[in-house]
Every structure is written in structure tokens, then in C-alpha cells.
Amino acid sequence: MIALLHYLRMFLLYGIQIYRYVLLAYFLLSWLPGGYQSSLGQFLIRICEPFVGLFRPYIPNIGMVSLAGMVAFISLRFVEIGIDGIFRTLIQLIR
């Protein structure tokens, strides 16, 4: 049971880490002219925009810069820390 929880924890944490790298690529692509018109850009929009879009109504733009991406990136880190803490606590309780 402990091994299953450990593997599930690692699977979730690696998935979140990969998604954070995808978000980083999505943000960096916005600096390139025409970056979102490429097939890679369209793929990243389909994957990242639903999550980043959750924060857009609540986070104001500063000039032409949207801070919703940064807030999404940081909140994903908090989710990662929370999942890690929950699984560590569960593993401690089972032992």
C-alpha cells in the first residue's frame, strides 16, 4: 500500500512538473512574433489556455503584460507542494 501511494505521488508530481515546463514554453513562445500561429503554438494554446484562463478575470493586466500566467505558474507550485504534503502525511499515517 505504501509503495502504491509513493508511485501515485511521484506520478502526480512528475505530471505537474512536466506541465510547468509546458507552461514555461507557452510563456516564452509569446515573445516570438507569430509564435502562436505555428503548430506547436496552437498545441500549447490548447493545453495551457484553459488553466491560465482561470486566472485572467481576477488578475489585471499591467499595460500590455498579463500577470495571469505568472499567477498560474506560482499557483501550480503551491498545488505541487500541497499534493506532496498530503501524500507524505498519508504515508506516515500508514506506517
PDB file of N, CA and C in Angstrom:
ATOM      1  N   MET A   1       0.818  -1.195   0.000  1.00  0.00           N
ATOM      2  CA  MET A   1       0.000   0.000   0.000  1.00  0.00           C
ATOM      3  C   MET A   1       0.864   1.263   0.000  1.00  0.00           C
ATOM      4  N   ILE A   2       1.937   1.223   0.772  1.00  0.00           N
ATOM      5  CA  ILE A   2       2.831   2.383   0.819  1.00  0.00           C
ATOM      6  C   ILE A   2       3.496   2.597  -0.534  1.00  0.00           C
ATOM      7  N   ALA A   3       3.886   1.498  -1.176  1.00  0.00           N
ATOM      8  CA  ALA A   3       4.526   1.619  -2.485  1.00  0.00           C
ATOM      9  C   ALA A   3       3.561   2.215  -3.505  1.00  0.00           C
ATOM     10  N   LEU A   4       2.301   1.818  -3.447  1.00  0.00           N
ATOM     11  CA  LEU A   4       1.304   2.356  -4.368  1.00  0.00           C
ATOM     12  C   LEU A   4       1.120   3.861  -4.155  1.00  0.00           C
ATOM     13  N   LEU A   5       1.037   4.282  -2.905  1.00  0.00           N
ATOM     14  CA  LEU A   5       0.921   5.714  -2.611  1.00  0.00           C
ATOM     15  C   LEU A   5       2.157   6.478  -3.070  1.00  0.00           C
ATOM     16  N   HIS A   6       3.322   5.878  -2.879  1.00  0.00           N
ATOM     17  CA  HIS A   6       4.562   6.526  -3.304  1.00  0.00           C
ATOM     18  C   HIS A   6       4.588   6.691  -4.822  1.00  0.00           C
ATOM     19  N   TYR A   7       4.210   5.646  -5.555  1.00  0.00           N
ATOM     20  CA  TYR A   7       4.212   5.737  -7.018  1.00  0.00           C
ATOM     21  C   TYR A   7       3.157   6.724  -7.518  1.00  0.00           C
ATOM     22  N   LEU A   8       2.012   6.752  -6.866  1.00  0.00           N
ATOM     23  CA  LEU A   8       0.979   7.711  -7.248  1.00  0.00           C
ATOM     24  C   LEU A   8       1.444   9.138  -6.984  1.00  0.00           C
ATOM     25  N   ARG A   9       2.095   9.346  -5.855  1.00  0.00           N
ATOM     26  CA  ARG A   9       2.649  10.662  -5.516  1.00  0.00           C
ATOM     27  C   ARG A   9       3.669  11.101  -6.556  1.00  0.00           C
ATOM     28  N   MET A  10       4.587  10.197  -6.901  1.00  0.00           N
ATOM     29  CA  MET A  10       5.618  10.545  -7.880  1.00  0.00           C
ATOM     30  C   MET A  10       5.009  10.813  -9.255  1.00  0.00           C
ATOM     31  N   PHE A  11       4.005  10.021  -9.639  1.00  0.00           N
ATOM     32  CA  PHE A  11       3.338  10.217 -10.924  1.00  0.00           C
ATOM     33  C   PHE A  11       2.699  11.602 -10.990  1.00  0.00           C
ATOM     34  N   LEU A  12       1.982  11.982  -9.940  1.00  0.00           N
ATOM     35  CA  LEU A  12       1.338  13.295  -9.910  1.00  0.00           C
ATOM     36  C   LEU A  12       2.355  14.429  -9.898  1.00  0.00           C
ATOM     37  N   LEU A  13       3.410  14.279  -9.104  1.00  0.00           N
ATOM     38  CA  LEU A  13       4.415  15.345  -9.025  1.00  0.00           C
ATOM     39  C   LEU A  13       5.168  15.501 -10.337  1.00  0.00           C
ATOM     40  N   TYR A  14       5.502  14.385 -10.994  1.00  0.00           N
ATOM     41  CA  TYR A  14       6.172  14.487 -12.293  1.00  0.00           C
ATOM     42  C   TYR A  14       5.236  15.083 -13.344  1.00  0.00           C
ATOM     43  N   GLY A  15       3.958  14.731 -13.279  1.00  0.00           N
ATOM     44  CA  GLY A  15       2.996  15.309 -14.216  1.00  0.00           C
ATOM     45  C   GLY A  15       2.878  16.814 -14.055  1.00  0.00           C
ATOM     46  N   ILE A  16       2.833  17.272 -12.815  1.00  0.00           N
ATOM     47  CA  ILE A  16       2.765  18.714 -12.557  1.00  0.00           C
ATOM     48  C   ILE A  16       4.048  19.395 -13.010  1.00  0.00           C
ATOM     49  N   GLN A  17       5.181  18.758 -12.773  1.00  0.00           N
ATOM     50  CA  GLN A  17       6.455  19.347 -13.183  1.00  0.00           C
ATOM     51  C   GLN A  17       6.532  19.460 -14.705  1.00  0.00           C
ATOM     52  N   ILE A  18       6.081  18.445 -15.411  1.00  0.00           N
ATOM     53  CA  ILE A  18       6.072  18.499 -16.873  1.00  0.00           C
ATOM     54  C   ILE A  18       5.141  19.614 -17.350  1.00  0.00           C
ATOM     55  N   TYR A  19       3.977  19.732 -16.713  1.00  0.00           N
ATOM     56  CA  TYR A  19       3.035  20.787 -17.097  1.00  0.00           C
ATOM     57  C   TYR A  19       3.618  22.169 -16.826  1.00  0.00           C
ATOM     58  N   ARG A  20       4.411  22.316 -15.785  1.00  0.00           N
ATOM     59  CA  ARG A  20       5.062  23.605 -15.523  1.00  0.00           C
ATOM     60  C   ARG A  20       6.053  23.943 -16.635  1.00  0.00           C
ATOM     61  N   TYR A  21       6.770  22.939 -17.147  1.00  0.00           N
ATOM     62  CA  TYR A  21       7.673  23.190 -18.276  1.00  0.00           C
ATOM     63  C   TYR A  21       6.890  23.552 -19.537  1.00  0.00           C
ATOM     64  N   VAL A  22       5.739  22.914 -19.731  1.00  0.00           N
ATOM     65  CA  VAL A  22       4.893  23.252 -20.874  1.00  0.00           C
ATOM     66  C   VAL A  22       4.392  24.691 -20.747  1.00  0.00           C
ATOM     67  N   LEU A  23       3.990  25.088 -19.537  1.00  0.00           N
ATOM     68  CA  LEU A  23       3.581  26.480 -19.312  1.00  0.00           C
ATOM     69  C   LEU A  23       4.720  27.449 -19.599  1.00  0.00           C
ATOM     70  N   LEU A  24       5.918  27.091 -19.189  1.00  0.00           N
ATOM     71  CA  LEU A  24       7.073  27.949 -19.447  1.00  0.00           C
ATOM     72  C   LEU A  24       7.300  28.106 -20.947  1.00  0.00           C
ATOM     73  N   ALA A  25       7.183  27.019 -21.697  1.00  0.00           N
ATOM     74  CA  ALA A  25       7.323  27.100 -23.152  1.00  0.00           C
ATOM     75  C   ALA A  25       6.216  27.966 -23.751  1.00  0.00           C
ATOM     76  N   TYR A  26       5.017  27.855 -23.214  1.00  0.00           N
ATOM     77  CA  TYR A  26       3.881  28.666 -23.668  1.00  0.00           C
ATOM     78  C   TYR A  26       4.156  30.151 -23.446  1.00  0.00           C
ATOM     79  N   PHE A  27       4.717  30.495 -22.291  1.00  0.00           N
ATOM     80  CA  PHE A  27       5.018  31.892 -21.992  1.00  0.00           C
ATOM     81  C   PHE A  27       6.151  32.410 -22.867  1.00  0.00           C
ATOM     82  N   LEU A  28       7.179  31.609 -23.048  1.00  0.00           N
ATOM     83  CA  LEU A  28       8.306  32.048 -23.870  1.00  0.00           C
ATOM     84  C   LEU A  28       7.907  32.206 -25.330  1.00  0.00           C
ATOM     85  N   LEU A  29       6.965  31.383 -25.787  1.00  0.00           N
ATOM     86  CA  LEU A  29       6.522  31.471 -27.170  1.00  0.00           C
ATOM     87  C   LEU A  29       5.784  32.780 -27.447  1.00  0.00           C
ATOM     88  N   SER A  30       5.239  33.394 -26.407  1.00  0.00           N
ATOM     89  CA  SER A  30       4.527  34.661 -26.601  1.00  0.00           C
ATOM     90  C   SER A  30       5.481  35.790 -26.975  1.00  0.00           C
ATOM     91  N   TRP A  31       6.750  35.637 -26.707  1.00  0.00           N
ATOM     92  CA  TRP A  31       7.724  36.670 -27.053  1.00  0.00           C
ATOM     93  C   TRP A  31       8.139  36.609 -28.517  1.00  0.00           C
ATOM     94  N   LEU A  32       7.894  35.488 -29.161  1.00  0.00           N
ATOM     95  CA  LEU A  32       8.282  35.342 -30.561  1.00  0.00           C
ATOM     96  C   LEU A  32       7.166  35.845 -31.464  1.00  0.00           C
ATOM     97  N   PRO A  33       7.505  36.644 -32.469  1.00  0.00           N
ATOM     98  CA  PRO A  33       6.453  37.107 -33.379  1.00  0.00           C
ATOM     99  C   PRO A  33       5.886  35.928 -34.175  1.00  0.00           C
ATOM    100  N   GLY A  34       4.589  35.769 -34.126  1.00  0.00           N
ATOM    101  CA  GLY A  34       3.941  34.671 -34.847  1.00  0.00           C
ATOM    102  C   GLY A  34       4.133  33.319 -34.193  1.00  0.00           C
ATOM    103  N   GLY A  35       4.558  33.303 -32.952  1.00  0.00           N
ATOM    104  CA  GLY A  35       4.830  32.033 -32.279  1.00  0.00           C
ATOM    105  C   GLY A  35       3.588  31.189 -32.066  1.00  0.00           C
ATOM    106  N   TYR A  36       2.461  31.836 -31.838  1.00  0.00           N
ATOM    107  CA  TYR A  36       1.230  31.089 -31.587  1.00  0.00           C
ATOM    108  C   TYR A  36       0.556  30.624 -32.880  1.00  0.00           C
ATOM    109  N   GLN A  37       1.031  31.096 -34.028  1.00  0.00           N
ATOM    110  CA  GLN A  37       0.453  30.655 -35.292  1.00  0.00           C
ATOM    111  C   GLN A  37       1.048  29.329 -35.764  1.00  0.00           C
ATOM    112  N   SER A  38       2.146  28.909 -35.171  1.00  0.00           N
ATOM    113  CA  SER A  38       2.755  27.636 -35.557  1.00  0.00           C
ATOM    114  C   SER A  38       1.947  26.480 -34.986  1.00  0.00           C
ATOM    115  N   SER A  39       2.230  25.280 -35.460  1.00  0.00           N
ATOM    116  CA  SER A  39       1.510  24.111 -34.945  1.00  0.00           C
ATOM    117  C   SER A  39       1.862  23.868 -33.478  1.00  0.00           C
ATOM    118  N   LEU A  40       3.111  24.127 -33.098  1.00  0.00           N
ATOM    119  CA  LEU A  40       3.497  23.999 -31.694  1.00  0.00           C
ATOM    120  C   LEU A  40       2.750  25.024 -30.846  1.00  0.00           C
ATOM    121  N   GLY A  41       2.645  26.240 -31.340  1.00  0.00           N
ATOM    122  CA  GLY A  41       1.932  27.285 -30.619  1.00  0.00           C
ATOM    123  C   GLY A  41       0.463  26.949 -30.434  1.00  0.00           C
ATOM    124  N   GLN A  42      -0.171  26.412 -31.469  1.00  0.00           N
ATOM    125  CA  GLN A  42      -1.577  26.019 -31.359  1.00  0.00           C
ATOM    126  C   GLN A  42      -1.758  24.882 -30.363  1.00  0.00           C
ATOM    127  N   PHE A  43      -0.810  23.946 -30.354  1.00  0.00           N
ATOM    128  CA  PHE A  43      -0.851  22.840 -29.392  1.00  0.00           C
ATOM    129  C   PHE A  43      -0.717  23.361 -27.961  1.00  0.00           C
ATOM    130  N   LEU A  44       0.216  24.267 -27.743  1.00  0.00           N
ATOM    131  CA  LEU A  44       0.412  24.821 -26.405  1.00  0.00           C
ATOM    132  C   LEU A  44      -0.789  25.652 -25.954  1.00  0.00           C
ATOM    133  N   ILE A  45      -1.424  26.351 -26.877  1.00  0.00           N
ATOM    134  CA  ILE A  45      -2.622  27.118 -26.533  1.00  0.00           C
ATOM    135  C   ILE A  45      -3.726  26.184 -26.060  1.00  0.00           C
ATOM    136  N   ARG A  46      -3.918  25.072 -26.780  1.00  0.00           N
ATOM    137  CA  ARG A  46      -4.973  24.127 -26.388  1.00  0.00           C
ATOM    138  C   ARG A  46      -4.704  23.509 -25.024  1.00  0.00           C
ATOM    139  N   ILE A  47      -3.445  23.328 -24.671  1.00  0.00           N
ATOM    140  CA  ILE A  47      -3.105  22.696 -23.395  1.00  0.00           C
ATOM    141  C   ILE A  47      -3.072  23.712 -22.250  1.00  0.00           C
ATOM    142  N   CYS A  48      -2.529  24.889 -22.486  1.00  0.00           N
ATOM    143  CA  CYS A  48      -2.262  25.836 -21.395  1.00  0.00           C
ATOM    144  C   CYS A  48      -3.363  26.857 -21.161  1.00  0.00           C
ATOM    145  N   GLU A  49      -4.052  27.259 -22.191  1.00  0.00           N
ATOM    146  CA  GLU A  49      -5.012  28.351 -22.041  1.00  0.00           C
ATOM    147  C   GLU A  49      -6.167  28.037 -21.094  1.00  0.00           C
ATOM    148  N   PRO A  50      -6.690  26.809 -21.043  1.00  0.00           N
ATOM    149  CA  PRO A  50      -7.761  26.563 -20.055  1.00  0.00           C
ATOM    150  C   PRO A  50      -7.320  26.814 -18.612  1.00  0.00           C
ATOM    151  N   PHE A  51      -6.084  26.471 -18.276  1.00  0.00           N
ATOM    152  CA  PHE A  51      -5.605  26.692 -16.911  1.00  0.00           C
ATOM    153  C   PHE A  51      -5.288  28.162 -16.668  1.00  0.00           C
ATOM    154  N   VAL A  52      -4.583  28.789 -17.588  1.00  0.00           N
ATOM    155  CA  VAL A  52      -4.230  30.204 -17.421  1.00  0.00           C
ATOM    156  C   VAL A  52      -5.488  31.069 -17.486  1.00  0.00           C
ATOM    157  N   GLY A  53      -6.455  30.652 -18.294  1.00  0.00           N
ATOM    158  CA  GLY A  53      -7.701  31.401 -18.421  1.00  0.00           C
ATOM    159  C   GLY A  53      -8.512  31.474 -17.135  1.00  0.00           C
ATOM    160  N   LEU A  54      -8.284  30.540 -16.225  1.00  0.00           N
ATOM    161  CA  LEU A  54      -8.966  30.589 -14.928  1.00  0.00           C
ATOM    162  C   LEU A  54      -8.597  31.838 -14.139  1.00  0.00           C
ATOM    163  N   PHE A  55      -7.384  32.348 -14.352  1.00  0.00           N
ATOM    164  CA  PHE A  55      -6.877  33.474 -13.573  1.00  0.00           C
ATOM    165  C   PHE A  55      -7.079  34.817 -14.268  1.00  0.00           C
ATOM    166  N   ARG A  56      -7.349  34.822 -15.567  1.00  0.00           N
ATOM    167  CA  ARG A  56      -7.456  36.082 -16.314  1.00  0.00           C
ATOM    168  C   ARG A  56      -8.533  37.031 -15.786  1.00  0.00           C
ATOM    169  N   PRO A  57      -9.729  36.555 -15.402  1.00  0.00           N
ATOM    170  CA  PRO A  57     -10.731  37.522 -14.916  1.00  0.00           C
ATOM    171  C   PRO A  57     -10.360  38.191 -13.594  1.00  0.00           C
ATOM    172  N   TYR A  58      -9.479  37.577 -12.837  1.00  0.00           N
ATOM    173  CA  TYR A  58      -9.174  38.078 -11.492  1.00  0.00           C
ATOM    174  C   TYR A  58      -7.854  38.841 -11.402  1.00  0.00           C
ATOM    175  N   ILE A  59      -6.970  38.640 -12.357  1.00  0.00           N
ATOM    176  CA  ILE A  59      -5.650  39.273 -12.327  1.00  0.00           C
ATOM    177  C   ILE A  59      -5.618  40.358 -13.401  1.00  0.00           C
ATOM    178  N   PRO A  60      -5.424  41.613 -13.021  1.00  0.00           N
ATOM    179  CA  PRO A  60      -5.426  42.688 -14.020  1.00  0.00           C
ATOM    180  C   PRO A  60      -4.133  42.694 -14.839  1.00  0.00           C
ATOM    181  N   ASN A  61      -4.253  43.251 -16.033  1.00  0.00           N
ATOM    182  CA  ASN A  61      -3.075  43.459 -16.872  1.00  0.00           C
ATOM    183  C   ASN A  61      -2.354  44.717 -16.415  1.00  0.00           C
ATOM    184  N   ILE A  62      -1.055  44.703 -16.580  1.00  0.00           N
ATOM    185  CA  ILE A  62      -0.254  45.902 -16.340  1.00  0.00           C
ATOM    186  C   ILE A  62       0.252  46.340 -17.708  1.00  0.00           C
ATOM    187  N   GLY A  63      -0.404  47.343 -18.271  1.00  0.00           N
ATOM    188  CA  GLY A  63      -0.084  47.754 -19.629  1.00  0.00           C
ATOM    189  C   GLY A  63      -0.481  46.648 -20.598  1.00  0.00           C
ATOM    190  N   MET A  64       0.483  46.158 -21.349  1.00  0.00           N
ATOM    191  CA  MET A  64       0.246  45.070 -22.293  1.00  0.00           C
ATOM    192  C   MET A  64       0.632  43.715 -21.716  1.00  0.00           C
ATOM    193  N   VAL A  65       1.029  43.683 -20.471  1.00  0.00           N
ATOM    194  CA  VAL A  65       1.527  42.450 -19.856  1.00  0.00           C
ATOM    195  C   VAL A  65       0.445  41.846 -18.973  1.00  0.00           C
ATOM    196  N   SER A  66       0.136  40.583 -19.223  1.00  0.00           N
ATOM    197  CA  SER A  66      -0.824  39.858 -18.391  1.00  0.00           C
ATOM    198  C   SER A  66      -0.060  39.089 -17.319  1.00  0.00           C
ATOM    199  N   LEU A  67      -0.447  39.293 -16.084  1.00  0.00           N
ATOM    200  CA  LEU A  67       0.198  38.601 -14.972  1.00  0.00           C
ATOM    201  C   LEU A  67      -0.488  37.281 -14.637  1.00  0.00           C
ATOM    202  N   ALA A  68      -1.537  36.933 -15.369  1.00  0.00           N
ATOM    203  CA  ALA A  68      -2.270  35.700 -15.095  1.00  0.00           C
ATOM    204  C   ALA A  68      -1.377  34.478 -15.273  1.00  0.00           C
ATOM    205  N   GLY A  69      -0.479  34.515 -16.229  1.00  0.00           N
ATOM    206  CA  GLY A  69       0.428  33.390 -16.439  1.00  0.00           C
ATOM    207  C   GLY A  69       1.361  33.172 -15.267  1.00  0.00           C
ATOM    208  N   MET A  70       1.877  34.260 -14.726  1.00  0.00           N
ATOM    209  CA  MET A  70       2.774  34.139 -13.582  1.00  0.00           C
ATOM    210  C   MET A  70       2.021  33.613 -12.361  1.00  0.00           C
ATOM    211  N   VAL A  71       0.810  34.093 -12.161  1.00  0.00           N
ATOM    212  CA  VAL A  71      -0.001  33.619 -11.036  1.00  0.00           C
ATOM    213  C   VAL A  71      -0.348  32.146 -11.226  1.00  0.00           C
ATOM    214  N   ALA A  72      -0.658  31.739 -12.449  1.00  0.00           N
ATOM    215  CA  ALA A  72      -0.952  30.333 -12.726  1.00  0.00           C
ATOM    216  C   ALA A  72       0.272  29.466 -12.451  1.00  0.00           C
ATOM    217  N   PHE A  73       1.438  29.927 -12.865  1.00  0.00           N
ATOM    218  CA  PHE A  73       2.679  29.183 -12.659  1.00  0.00           C
ATOM    219  C   PHE A  73       2.963  29.016 -11.164  1.00  0.00           C
ATOM    220  N   ILE A  74       2.811  30.090 -10.409  1.00  0.00           N
ATOM    221  CA  ILE A  74       3.068  30.038  -8.965  1.00  0.00           C
ATOM    222  C   ILE A  74       2.018  29.185  -8.255  1.00  0.00           C
ATOM    223  N   SER A  75       0.761  29.307  -8.664  1.00  0.00           N
ATOM    224  CA  SER A  75      -0.282  28.506  -8.012  1.00  0.00           C
ATOM    225  C   SER A  75      -0.091  27.022  -8.286  1.00  0.00           C
ATOM    226  N   LEU A  76       0.437  26.687  -9.448  1.00  0.00           N
ATOM    227  CA  LEU A  76       0.727  25.282  -9.737  1.00  0.00           C
ATOM    228  C   LEU A  76       1.808  24.755  -8.806  1.00  0.00           C
ATOM    229  N   ARG A  77       2.739  25.593  -8.450  1.00  0.00           N
ATOM    230  CA  ARG A  77       3.765  25.193  -7.478  1.00  0.00           C
ATOM    231  C   ARG A  77       3.140  24.943  -6.105  1.00  0.00           C
ATOM    232  N   PHE A  78       2.195  25.790  -5.702  1.00  0.00           N
ATOM    233  CA  PHE A  78       1.506  25.572  -4.428  1.00  0.00           C
ATOM    234  C   PHE A  78       0.709  24.269  -4.444  1.00  0.00           C
ATOM    235  N   VAL A  79       0.085  23.964  -5.568  1.00  0.00           N
ATOM    236  CA  VAL A  79      -0.637  22.693  -5.697  1.00  0.00           C
ATOM    237  C   VAL A  79       0.337  21.527  -5.560  1.00  0.00           C
ATOM    238  N   GLU A  80       1.499  21.669  -6.176  1.00  0.00           N
ATOM    239  CA  GLU A  80       2.522  20.625  -6.088  1.00  0.00           C
ATOM    240  C   GLU A  80       2.962  20.409  -4.636  1.00  0.00           C
ATOM    241  N   ILE A  81       3.184  21.486  -3.913  1.00  0.00           N
ATOM    242  CA  ILE A  81       3.583  21.382  -2.505  1.00  0.00           C
ATOM    243  C   ILE A  81       2.459  20.742  -1.686  1.00  0.00           C
ATOM    244  N   GLY A  82       1.216  21.111  -1.962  1.00  0.00           N
ATOM    245  CA  GLY A  82       0.085  20.546  -1.242  1.00  0.00           C
ATOM    246  C   GLY A  82      -0.079  19.058  -1.480  1.00  0.00           C
ATOM    247  N   ILE A  83       0.031  18.638  -2.737  1.00  0.00           N
ATOM    248  CA  ILE A  83      -0.074  17.210  -3.051  1.00  0.00           C
ATOM    249  C   ILE A  83       1.043  16.434  -2.392  1.00  0.00           C
ATOM    250  N   ASP A  84       2.246  16.977  -2.429  1.00  0.00           N
ATOM    251  CA  ASP A  84       3.376  16.307  -1.785  1.00  0.00           C
ATOM    252  C   ASP A  84       3.133  16.165  -0.285  1.00  0.00           C
ATOM    253  N   GLY A  85       2.650  17.212   0.350  1.00  0.00           N
ATOM    254  CA  GLY A  85       2.383  17.154   1.787  1.00  0.00           C
ATOM    255  C   GLY A  85       1.292  16.159   2.146  1.00  0.00           C
ATOM    256  N   ILE A  86       0.242  16.118   1.343  1.00  0.00           N
ATOM    257  CA  ILE A  86      -0.850  15.175   1.606  1.00  0.00           C
ATOM    258  C   ILE A  86      -0.361  13.738   1.501  1.00  0.00           C
ATOM    259  N   PHE A  87       0.380  13.439   0.452  1.00  0.00           N
ATOM    260  CA  PHE A  87       0.852  12.067   0.282  1.00  0.00           C
ATOM    261  C   PHE A  87       1.886  11.690   1.336  1.00  0.00           C
ATOM    262  N   ARG A  88       2.742  12.622   1.707  1.00  0.00           N
ATOM    263  CA  ARG A  88       3.707  12.320   2.772  1.00  0.00           C
ATOM    264  C   ARG A  88       2.991  12.032   4.093  1.00  0.00           C
ATOM    265  N   THR A  89       1.942  12.790   4.380  1.00  0.00           N
ATOM    266  CA  THR A  89       1.169  12.557   5.601  1.00  0.00           C
ATOM    267  C   THR A  89       0.464  11.203   5.552  1.00  0.00           C
ATOM    268  N   LEU A  90      -0.119  10.873   4.409  1.00  0.00           N
ATOM    269  CA  LEU A  90      -0.776   9.571   4.279  1.00  0.00           C
ATOM    270  C   LEU A  90       0.206   8.422   4.472  1.00  0.00           C
ATOM    271  N   ILE A  91       1.387   8.556   3.903  1.00  0.00           N
ATOM    272  CA  ILE A  91       2.395   7.502   4.043  1.00  0.00           C
ATOM    273  C   ILE A  91       2.835   7.389   5.494  1.00  0.00           C
ATOM    274  N   GLN A  92       2.989   8.514   6.171  1.00  0.00           N
ATOM    275  CA  GLN A  92       3.366   8.486   7.594  1.00  0.00           C
ATOM    276  C   GLN A  92       2.280   7.823   8.437  1.00  0.00           C
ATOM    277  N   LEU A  93       1.017   8.075   8.128  1.00  0.00           N
ATOM    278  CA  LEU A  93      -0.081   7.503   8.896  1.00  0.00           C
ATOM    279  C   LEU A  93      -0.197   5.992   8.704  1.00  0.00           C
ATOM    280  N   ILE A  94       0.122   5.524   7.508  1.00  0.00           N
ATOM    281  CA  ILE A  94       0.014   4.092   7.233  1.00  0.00           C
ATOM    282  C   ILE A  94       1.143   3.320   7.899  1.00  0.00           C
ATOM    283  N   ARG A  95       2.308   3.908   7.996  1.00  0.00           N
ATOM    284  CA  ARG A  95       3.446   3.210   8.604  1.00  0.00           C
ATOM    285  C   ARG A  95       3.181   3.022  10.023  1.00  0.00           C
TER     286      ARG A  95
END
